[in-house]
Amino acid sequence: MDIPAFGNRFASELPEMAVAWKGAAFPDPAVLVLDDALAVELGFDPAWLRSAEGVRMLIGTDAPAGTTSVAQAYAGHQFGGYSPRLGDGRALLVGEFTTPDGQLKDLHLKGSGRTPFSRGGDGFAAVGPMLREYIVSRAMHALGIPTTRSLAVVTTGQKVRREENLPGAVLARVAASHLRVGSFQYARATGDLALLKRLADHAIDRHHPAAREAVRPYQKLFESVVVTQAELVVKWMLAGFIHGVMNTDNMTISGETIDYGPCAFLDVFDPATVYSSIDSGGRYAYGNQPPVAHWNLARLAESMLPLFDDDEQKAIELATESLGLFGPAYDAAWITGMRAKLGLRDDVSDKDVKSLSEDLLVHLRDRRADYTSSFRDLDNAVTDQDWLVRWHAHNPDAESARKINPIYIPRNHLVEEALADPSKLDDLLTAIDHPFTERPGLEHYAEPAPESFRACYQTFCGT
């Protein structure tokens, strides 16, 4: 079989939130990069995906048998401002399919052309931003961070007008689903309680089936999202990842990282770090990610209030109680993660782990130390002898820590090198596919960025 069987579950269960649409007709589409291992894992024949028929599917021109591609409707808070109608302005949900191991997945395209949700946008994407998502999402998966995964980048043979004319591309990615906080905001804004309930039922069935057995299943759904998002953001923080555009339409119900626009990894450790050119106020700075996630989840709670209880005041009380799970879930996951990064055993108290971790991060910030390489070799990175004595007093397991702390990440200067010269892409992918295993010949991919690069680096959204 060349591809798995497709269906239209989202569109059939939630037709009010789906508009049937096809991708643009591009002049000369061709596969630029394809993750063959991922394709096989998902049940696709890589050779078929490279064929003319496969390429037409990957750009949205032809939908597989059994499905009709759709543009999804959602709302969202973008940099704090509410937009009641966003939706897939340059993207299409091709449909859902089941992998050989029984998982239901979405196939979704970015850059496939204008849709009814495009507003002033052209609906297209340039090669650079699509390759960035391909690289970074692949690295996130290798690091063990829940994420959408990039299957392929297809060049279109068409130029995209940004500050200059750039080669166009379409990204094909897979996800547990594309349900977002913004999906619930959209359903709530329609005033259609039946639609909101159907959306919640769809989310329970797809992502959090245990909620169905709870006394209050919709409250339990919300709590499940709160906990999974708290744990996800902790993983970002531990890896030094900055999402860059944590709008509510970019927060999933599944707990996967989605939409790698102006994303980046920390070079030197500084909680105030912002790379995104569009985040002039620093709303989505590295250190702001936990409170922003909590704020986004409060917006989800507002959208779901009618499902919690018929009495609004009671619903607010239940939502507030459930939102309160975020802090403890975040703190517990952070302590567990830092314990592992420092190689500390289970008999070291949480209090000591917290103290060592916080003091270390202050030291790294004050020294403007490289975040990733410092954890890889704390004895040489830390100049505070008192801290080293305290750490060594707990007899840390250095070998265990090296299995947790990566040596290779998609450092910003390396990503830019690969975007400027795709011949360097394969070596970068070789490094980041196995981030914890040091290998000869890859020394370049473990080196911190030059100071001159760090001082002026910015990322861009790509739209």
Protein backbone atom coordinates (compact mmCIF):
# COMPACT_ATOMS: atom_id res chain seq x y z
CA MET A 1 0.00 0.00 0.00
CA ASP A 2 1.40 3.44 -0.97
CA ILE A 3 -0.47 5.46 1.66
CA PRO A 4 -2.77 4.74 4.62
CA ALA A 5 -6.54 5.12 4.28
CA PHE A 6 -7.77 8.66 4.92
CA GLY A 7 -10.95 9.98 6.51
CA ASN A 8 -12.69 13.29 7.23
CA ARG A 9 -13.54 12.95 10.90
CA PHE A 10 -12.92 16.58 11.84
CA ALA A 11 -14.91 17.96 8.92
CA SER A 12 -17.78 15.48 9.34
CA GLU A 13 -18.14 15.94 13.10
CA LEU A 14 -17.57 19.72 13.10
CA PRO A 15 -18.73 21.00 9.69
CA GLU A 16 -19.28 24.50 11.09
CA MET A 17 -15.51 24.72 11.60
CA ALA A 18 -14.36 23.40 8.21
CA VAL A 19 -14.46 24.84 4.70
CA ALA A 20 -13.75 22.43 1.83
CA TRP A 21 -10.80 23.80 -0.15
CA LYS A 22 -7.99 22.80 -2.48
CA GLY A 23 -4.40 23.91 -2.68
CA ALA A 24 -3.17 26.29 -5.37
CA ALA A 25 -1.94 25.00 -8.71
CA PHE A 26 1.83 25.51 -8.58
CA PRO A 27 3.97 25.59 -11.75
CA ASP A 28 6.75 23.16 -10.88
CA PRO A 29 6.41 21.38 -7.51
CA ALA A 30 9.24 19.08 -6.39
CA VAL A 31 10.21 17.43 -3.12
CA LEU A 32 13.06 19.34 -1.50
CA VAL A 33 13.37 17.19 1.61
CA LEU A 34 11.42 14.17 2.86
CA ASP A 35 11.74 12.37 6.19
CA ASP A 36 11.80 8.80 4.85
CA ALA A 37 11.91 7.19 8.30
CA LEU A 38 8.88 9.17 9.44
CA ALA A 39 7.04 8.33 6.21
CA VAL A 40 7.50 4.60 6.80
CA GLU A 41 6.53 4.98 10.47
CA LEU A 42 3.29 6.64 9.37
CA GLY A 43 2.49 4.05 6.71
CA PHE A 44 3.52 5.99 3.57
CA ASP A 45 5.76 4.66 0.82
CA PRO A 46 8.53 7.29 0.47
CA ALA A 47 8.91 6.50 -3.24
CA TRP A 48 5.22 7.18 -3.79
CA LEU A 49 5.45 10.49 -1.91
CA ARG A 50 8.19 11.54 -4.34
CA SER A 51 6.08 10.60 -7.35
CA ALA A 52 3.99 13.12 -9.26
CA GLU A 53 0.86 11.81 -7.57
CA GLY A 54 2.44 12.00 -4.14
CA VAL A 55 3.68 15.54 -4.71
CA ARG A 56 0.18 16.64 -5.71
CA MET A 57 -1.08 15.37 -2.37
CA LEU A 58 1.76 17.09 -0.51
CA ILE A 59 0.86 20.49 -1.97
CA GLY A 60 -2.91 20.10 -1.59
CA THR A 61 -3.83 19.91 -5.26
CA ASP A 62 -5.20 16.36 -4.98
CA ALA A 63 -6.71 14.92 -1.81
CA PRO A 64 -6.40 11.18 -1.10
CA ALA A 65 -9.37 8.93 -1.73
CA GLY A 66 -11.85 9.12 1.13
CA THR A 67 -11.21 12.69 2.13
CA THR A 68 -11.70 16.29 1.11
CA SER A 69 -9.14 18.83 2.28
CA VAL A 70 -10.48 21.66 4.42
CA ALA A 71 -9.40 24.96 5.90
CA GLN A 72 -10.11 24.94 9.63
CA ALA A 73 -11.82 27.78 11.49
CA TYR A 74 -10.51 29.05 14.82
CA ALA A 75 -10.19 32.28 16.76
CA GLY A 76 -7.36 33.43 19.01
CA HIS A 77 -5.58 35.99 21.09
CA GLN A 78 -2.58 37.22 19.13
CA PHE A 79 -0.11 39.11 21.33
CA GLY A 80 -2.98 39.63 23.79
CA GLY A 81 -5.48 41.00 21.27
CA TYR A 82 -8.52 38.91 20.44
CA SER A 83 -9.37 38.04 16.84
CA PRO A 84 -12.72 36.26 16.50
CA ARG A 85 -11.98 34.76 13.08
CA LEU A 86 -8.50 33.56 12.22
CA GLY A 87 -8.47 30.07 10.72
CA ASP A 88 -6.16 28.41 8.23
CA GLY A 89 -5.20 31.37 6.08
CA ARG A 90 -2.44 29.52 4.24
CA ALA A 91 -2.99 25.94 5.29
CA LEU A 92 -5.18 22.89 4.71
CA LEU A 93 -6.11 19.84 6.73
CA VAL A 94 -5.80 17.03 4.18
CA GLY A 95 -7.53 14.60 6.53
CA GLU A 96 -6.96 12.00 9.22
CA PHE A 97 -5.34 8.58 8.89
CA THR A 98 -4.39 5.72 11.17
CA THR A 99 -0.73 4.72 11.44
CA PRO A 100 0.42 1.07 11.39
CA ASP A 101 0.62 1.16 15.20
CA GLY A 102 -2.97 2.39 15.52
CA GLN A 103 -2.52 6.12 16.14
CA LEU A 104 -4.89 8.61 14.53
CA LYS A 105 -2.99 11.48 12.87
CA ASP A 106 -3.68 14.62 10.86
CA LEU A 107 -1.88 15.43 7.63
CA HIS A 108 -1.74 19.20 7.34
CA LEU A 109 -0.17 21.59 4.83
CA LYS A 110 1.31 25.07 5.22
CA GLY A 111 1.83 27.44 2.32
CA SER A 112 -0.70 25.78 0.02
CA GLY A 113 -2.37 29.05 -1.06
CA ARG A 114 -5.14 31.43 -0.14
CA THR A 115 -8.25 30.20 1.69
CA PRO A 116 -11.42 31.96 2.88
CA PHE A 117 -9.49 32.76 6.09
CA SER A 118 -6.53 34.47 4.41
CA ARG A 119 -7.63 38.05 5.10
CA GLY A 120 -4.82 40.18 3.66
CA GLY A 121 -2.31 37.35 3.33
CA ASP A 122 -1.26 35.69 0.10
CA GLY A 123 -1.56 32.17 1.48
CA PHE A 124 1.94 31.17 0.44
CA ALA A 125 5.16 30.31 2.25
CA ALA A 126 8.83 30.68 1.44
CA VAL A 127 11.36 27.85 1.53
CA GLY A 128 13.31 29.28 4.49
CA PRO A 129 10.57 29.28 7.15
CA MET A 130 9.28 25.89 6.02
CA LEU A 131 12.77 24.39 6.27
CA ARG A 132 13.14 25.98 9.72
CA GLU A 133 10.01 24.16 10.91
CA TYR A 134 11.26 20.95 9.31
CA ILE A 135 14.61 21.22 11.13
CA VAL A 136 13.38 22.39 14.52
CA SER A 137 10.39 20.05 14.80
CA ARG A 138 12.67 17.13 13.89
CA ALA A 139 15.09 18.19 16.63
CA MET A 140 12.28 18.60 19.16
CA HIS A 141 11.12 15.05 18.50
CA ALA A 142 14.66 13.73 18.94
CA LEU A 143 14.90 15.64 22.23
CA GLY A 144 11.77 13.91 23.49
CA ILE A 145 9.56 17.01 23.38
CA PRO A 146 5.96 16.45 22.15
CA THR A 147 5.64 18.09 18.76
CA THR A 148 3.98 18.13 15.40
CA ARG A 149 6.34 16.45 12.93
CA SER A 150 7.41 17.60 9.51
CA LEU A 151 7.05 15.01 6.79
CA ALA A 152 8.24 16.97 3.76
CA VAL A 153 9.04 20.35 2.26
CA VAL A 154 8.01 20.71 -1.38
CA THR A 155 9.25 23.59 -3.51
CA THR A 156 6.55 25.10 -5.70
CA GLY A 157 8.47 26.66 -8.59
CA GLN A 158 6.78 29.94 -7.71
CA LYS A 159 8.21 33.07 -6.11
CA VAL A 160 6.73 34.47 -2.89
CA ARG A 161 6.82 38.21 -2.34
CA ARG A 162 8.10 39.23 1.08
CA GLU A 163 10.77 41.92 1.53
CA GLU A 164 12.09 40.40 -1.68
CA ASN A 165 11.03 37.64 -4.05
CA LEU A 166 11.75 34.27 -2.43
CA PRO A 167 11.34 30.69 -3.64
CA GLY A 168 8.03 29.24 -2.48
CA ALA A 169 7.39 25.99 -0.62
CA VAL A 170 4.72 23.92 1.07
CA LEU A 171 5.35 22.10 4.36
CA ALA A 172 3.53 18.83 5.02
CA ARG A 173 3.32 18.02 8.71
CA VAL A 174 1.58 15.45 10.88
CA ALA A 175 0.03 15.92 14.30
CA ALA A 176 -2.14 14.16 16.83
CA SER A 177 -4.65 16.81 15.74
CA HIS A 178 -4.84 20.52 15.02
CA LEU A 179 -7.35 21.31 17.76
CA ARG A 180 -6.28 24.50 19.52
CA VAL A 181 -7.34 26.74 22.36
CA GLY A 182 -8.46 28.99 19.51
CA SER A 183 -10.78 26.25 18.26
CA PHE A 184 -12.72 26.44 21.52
CA GLN A 185 -12.68 30.23 21.41
CA TYR A 186 -14.24 30.13 17.97
CA ALA A 187 -16.92 27.64 18.96
CA ARG A 188 -17.81 29.64 22.08
CA ALA A 189 -18.00 32.88 20.09
CA THR A 190 -20.65 31.40 17.78
CA GLY A 191 -22.99 31.11 20.75
CA ASP A 192 -23.81 27.56 19.62
CA LEU A 193 -23.57 25.48 22.78
CA ALA A 194 -24.21 22.29 20.84
CA LEU A 195 -21.17 23.02 18.65
CA LEU A 196 -19.03 23.73 21.71
CA LYS A 197 -20.14 20.44 23.25
CA ARG A 198 -19.44 18.50 20.04
CA LEU A 199 -15.98 20.04 19.89
CA ALA A 200 -15.28 19.03 23.49
CA ASP A 201 -16.54 15.50 22.83
CA HIS A 202 -14.32 15.31 19.75
CA ALA A 203 -11.32 16.42 21.84
CA ILE A 204 -12.08 13.90 24.59
CA ASP A 205 -12.39 11.02 22.14
CA ARG A 206 -9.23 11.99 20.30
CA HIS A 207 -6.87 13.04 23.08
CA HIS A 208 -8.14 12.56 26.61
CA PRO A 209 -10.54 9.56 26.61
CA ALA A 210 -10.18 9.03 30.37
CA ALA A 211 -12.12 12.27 30.87
CA ARG A 212 -15.25 10.51 29.60
CA GLU A 213 -15.40 8.47 32.82
CA ALA A 214 -15.21 11.48 35.14
CA VAL A 215 -18.18 12.88 37.05
CA ARG A 216 -17.61 16.16 35.17
CA PRO A 217 -16.04 15.06 31.86
CA TYR A 218 -15.58 18.55 30.41
CA GLN A 219 -13.89 19.84 33.52
CA LYS A 220 -11.68 16.76 33.43
CA LEU A 221 -10.86 17.49 29.77
CA PHE A 222 -9.79 20.99 30.74
CA GLU A 223 -7.67 19.69 33.60
CA SER A 224 -5.97 17.23 31.27
CA VAL A 225 -5.06 20.05 28.88
CA VAL A 226 -3.78 22.17 31.79
CA VAL A 227 -1.45 19.42 32.99
CA THR A 228 -0.18 18.40 29.54
CA GLN A 229 0.55 22.01 28.64
CA ALA A 230 2.35 22.63 31.94
CA GLU A 231 4.53 19.60 31.30
CA LEU A 232 5.16 20.65 27.70
CA VAL A 233 6.33 24.16 28.61
CA VAL A 234 8.67 22.69 31.24
CA LYS A 235 10.28 20.62 28.48
CA TRP A 236 10.72 23.81 26.44
CA MET A 237 12.36 25.56 29.37
CA LEU A 238 14.69 22.67 30.14
CA ALA A 239 15.82 22.51 26.51
CA GLY A 240 16.23 26.29 26.20
CA PHE A 241 13.54 26.50 23.51
CA ILE A 242 11.72 29.73 22.74
CA HIS A 243 8.48 29.31 20.80
CA GLY A 244 8.30 32.97 19.89
CA VAL A 245 4.57 33.32 19.16
CA MET A 246 2.50 31.71 21.92
CA ASN A 247 -0.85 32.98 20.70
CA THR A 248 -3.88 30.97 21.82
CA ASP A 249 -4.31 29.64 18.29
CA ASN A 250 -0.81 28.15 18.64
CA MET A 251 -1.59 26.11 21.79
CA THR A 252 -2.82 22.59 21.14
CA ILE A 253 -5.35 20.52 23.04
CA SER A 254 -3.14 17.45 22.53
CA GLY A 255 -0.11 18.94 24.29
CA GLU A 256 2.09 18.99 21.18
CA THR A 257 4.29 21.92 20.17
CA ILE A 258 2.83 23.53 17.05
CA ASP A 259 3.71 26.31 14.59
CA TYR A 260 7.44 26.90 14.46
CA GLY A 261 7.47 30.46 13.17
CA PRO A 262 10.05 32.74 14.84
CA CYS A 263 11.23 29.94 17.15
CA ALA A 264 14.81 29.58 18.37
CA PHE A 265 17.00 28.01 21.04
CA LEU A 266 18.87 29.96 23.70
CA ASP A 267 22.48 30.74 23.07
CA VAL A 268 23.56 32.41 26.31
CA PHE A 269 21.21 31.92 29.24
CA ASP A 270 19.02 34.93 29.87
CA PRO A 271 15.31 34.67 30.80
CA ALA A 272 14.63 37.95 28.99
CA THR A 273 15.79 36.55 25.64
CA VAL A 274 13.57 37.40 22.66
CA TYR A 275 14.54 36.51 19.11
CA SER A 276 11.28 37.17 17.29
CA SER A 277 11.28 40.37 15.24
CA ILE A 278 7.53 40.79 15.80
CA ASP A 279 7.69 40.48 19.61
CA SER A 280 8.80 44.03 20.27
CA GLY A 281 7.41 44.05 23.82
CA GLY A 282 8.93 40.74 24.86
CA ARG A 283 5.56 39.17 25.62
CA TYR A 284 6.84 35.75 24.56
CA ALA A 285 10.36 35.99 25.97
CA TYR A 286 11.92 32.73 27.17
CA GLY A 287 11.18 33.44 30.85
CA ASN A 288 7.59 34.52 30.14
CA GLN A 289 6.54 31.22 28.58
CA PRO A 290 5.13 29.62 31.78
CA PRO A 291 2.88 32.58 32.72
CA VAL A 292 1.79 33.01 29.10
CA ALA A 293 0.79 29.34 28.96
CA HIS A 294 -1.24 29.84 32.16
CA TRP A 295 -2.89 32.94 30.61
CA ASN A 296 -3.76 31.01 27.46
CA LEU A 297 -5.32 28.24 29.52
CA ALA A 298 -7.43 30.80 31.35
CA ARG A 299 -8.82 31.79 27.93
CA LEU A 300 -9.61 28.12 27.28
CA ALA A 301 -11.44 27.97 30.61
CA GLU A 302 -13.51 31.01 29.65
CA SER A 303 -14.47 29.34 26.39
CA MET A 304 -15.51 26.13 28.12
CA LEU A 305 -17.46 27.66 31.03
CA PRO A 306 -20.94 26.64 29.79
CA LEU A 307 -19.77 23.02 29.76
CA PHE A 308 -18.61 23.05 33.38
CA ASP A 309 -21.96 23.94 34.95
CA ASP A 310 -25.25 25.59 34.04
CA ASP A 311 -24.74 28.05 36.88
CA GLU A 312 -22.13 30.56 35.69
CA GLN A 313 -20.75 31.32 39.14
CA LYS A 314 -20.35 27.62 39.88
CA ALA A 315 -18.70 27.14 36.48
CA ILE A 316 -16.20 29.93 37.27
CA GLU A 317 -15.38 28.33 40.61
CA LEU A 318 -14.77 24.96 38.96
CA ALA A 319 -12.64 26.53 36.22
CA THR A 320 -10.56 28.45 38.75
CA GLU A 321 -10.01 25.31 40.79
CA SER A 322 -8.91 23.35 37.73
CA LEU A 323 -6.65 26.12 36.42
CA GLY A 324 -4.93 25.98 39.79
CA LEU A 325 -3.45 22.63 38.77
CA PHE A 326 -1.05 24.39 36.41
CA GLY A 327 1.39 25.65 39.04
CA PRO A 328 1.85 22.36 40.94
CA ALA A 329 2.07 20.38 37.68
CA TYR A 330 4.67 22.80 36.31
CA ASP A 331 6.73 22.82 39.50
CA ALA A 332 6.73 19.03 39.81
CA ALA A 333 7.80 18.56 36.20
CA TRP A 334 10.49 21.24 36.50
CA ILE A 335 12.00 19.68 39.62
CA THR A 336 11.97 16.25 37.96
CA GLY A 337 13.60 17.67 34.84
CA MET A 338 16.29 19.63 36.67
CA ARG A 339 17.05 16.65 38.89
CA ALA A 340 17.80 14.68 35.71
CA LYS A 341 19.82 17.48 34.08
CA LEU A 342 21.99 17.76 37.19
CA GLY A 343 22.37 13.99 37.55
CA LEU A 344 20.90 14.04 41.05
CA ARG A 345 19.47 10.88 42.52
CA ASP A 346 15.99 10.43 43.95
CA ASP A 347 17.22 10.66 47.54
CA VAL A 348 18.21 14.32 47.03
CA SER A 349 15.36 16.44 48.39
CA ASP A 350 13.24 18.58 46.09
CA LYS A 351 14.33 21.57 48.18
CA ASP A 352 18.00 20.91 47.44
CA VAL A 353 17.31 20.33 43.74
CA LYS A 354 15.42 23.62 43.57
CA SER A 355 18.14 25.54 45.38
CA LEU A 356 20.95 24.13 43.24
CA SER A 357 18.99 24.70 40.04
CA GLU A 358 18.01 28.28 40.77
CA ASP A 359 21.51 29.23 41.89
CA LEU A 360 23.03 27.61 38.82
CA LEU A 361 20.72 29.50 36.46
CA VAL A 362 21.58 32.80 38.12
CA HIS A 363 25.26 31.96 37.70
CA LEU A 364 24.83 31.07 34.02
CA ARG A 365 22.88 34.28 33.43
CA ASP A 366 25.48 36.44 35.15
CA ARG A 367 28.31 34.79 33.19
CA ARG A 368 26.35 34.91 29.94
CA ALA A 369 27.24 31.25 29.59
CA ASP A 370 26.10 29.04 26.72
CA TYR A 371 23.03 27.21 28.04
CA THR A 372 23.33 23.87 26.25
CA SER A 373 27.06 23.24 26.56
CA SER A 374 27.12 24.36 30.22
CA PHE A 375 24.85 21.52 31.32
CA ARG A 376 26.90 19.10 29.27
CA ASP A 377 30.05 19.91 31.29
CA LEU A 378 29.19 21.70 34.54
CA ASP A 379 32.61 21.20 36.09
CA ASN A 380 34.21 23.38 33.42
CA ALA A 381 31.28 25.74 32.83
CA VAL A 382 30.69 26.78 36.45
CA THR A 383 33.24 29.06 38.12
CA ASP A 384 31.36 29.28 41.45
CA GLN A 385 33.35 26.84 43.57
CA ASP A 386 30.84 26.91 46.40
CA TRP A 387 28.13 25.72 44.00
CA LEU A 388 30.35 22.95 42.67
CA VAL A 389 31.09 21.75 46.21
CA ARG A 390 27.37 21.69 47.03
CA TRP A 391 26.59 19.81 43.80
CA HIS A 392 29.37 17.24 44.22
CA ALA A 393 28.29 16.63 47.82
CA HIS A 394 25.26 14.84 46.36
CA ASN A 395 27.50 12.54 44.28
CA PRO A 396 25.87 13.39 40.93
CA ASP A 397 25.67 10.74 38.24
CA ALA A 398 27.50 12.37 35.35
CA GLU A 399 26.78 9.53 32.93
CA SER A 400 23.05 9.75 33.62
CA ALA A 401 23.12 13.51 33.11
CA ARG A 402 24.84 13.17 29.73
CA LYS A 403 21.91 11.04 28.54
CA ILE A 404 19.58 13.94 29.34
CA ASN A 405 21.62 16.98 28.31
CA PRO A 406 22.06 17.26 24.53
CA ILE A 407 25.32 18.09 22.85
CA TYR A 408 23.65 18.85 19.51
CA ILE A 409 20.66 21.15 19.09
CA PRO A 410 19.60 23.22 16.06
CA ARG A 411 21.66 26.19 17.20
CA ASN A 412 20.52 29.37 15.57
CA HIS A 413 23.68 29.97 13.54
CA LEU A 414 23.61 26.37 12.30
CA VAL A 415 19.98 26.67 11.21
CA GLU A 416 20.81 29.86 9.34
CA GLU A 417 23.75 28.13 7.65
CA ALA A 418 21.47 25.33 6.45
CA LEU A 419 18.80 27.75 5.23
CA ALA A 420 21.39 29.69 3.27
CA ASP A 421 23.08 26.56 1.89
CA PRO A 422 20.83 23.46 1.76
CA SER A 423 23.90 21.30 1.04
CA LYS A 424 24.64 21.66 4.78
CA LEU A 425 21.20 20.39 5.78
CA ASP A 426 22.03 16.67 5.85
CA ASP A 427 24.94 17.07 8.26
CA LEU A 428 22.84 19.21 10.59
CA LEU A 429 20.07 16.62 10.56
CA THR A 430 22.61 13.84 11.22
CA ALA A 431 23.69 15.69 14.36
CA ILE A 432 20.29 16.63 15.75
CA ASP A 433 18.66 13.26 15.05
CA HIS A 434 20.80 11.81 17.87
CA PRO A 435 21.30 14.82 20.14
CA PHE A 436 22.75 13.06 23.18
CA THR A 437 25.45 10.99 21.46
CA GLU A 438 28.77 12.70 20.77
CA ARG A 439 30.28 11.62 17.45
CA PRO A 440 33.56 12.43 15.69
CA GLY A 441 33.30 14.76 12.74
CA LEU A 442 30.40 16.72 14.22
CA GLU A 443 32.40 19.08 16.42
CA HIS A 444 31.11 22.09 14.48
CA TYR A 445 27.55 21.25 15.58
CA ALA A 446 28.45 21.33 19.27
CA GLU A 447 30.12 24.74 19.23
CA PRO A 448 28.39 27.82 20.64
CA ALA A 449 27.52 30.64 18.28
CA PRO A 450 30.13 33.34 17.67
CA GLU A 451 29.62 36.39 19.87
CA SER A 452 29.10 38.55 16.79
CA PHE A 453 26.16 36.34 15.77
CA ARG A 454 24.58 36.30 19.22
CA ALA A 455 24.51 40.07 19.48
CA CYS A 456 22.22 40.72 16.54
CA TYR A 457 20.25 37.54 15.82
CA GLN A 458 16.54 37.83 15.00
CA THR A 459 13.97 35.36 13.71
CA PHE A 460 11.03 36.14 11.46
CA CYS A 461 7.51 34.76 11.20
CA GLY A 462 7.63 34.13 7.45
CA THR A 463 4.16 35.43 6.59
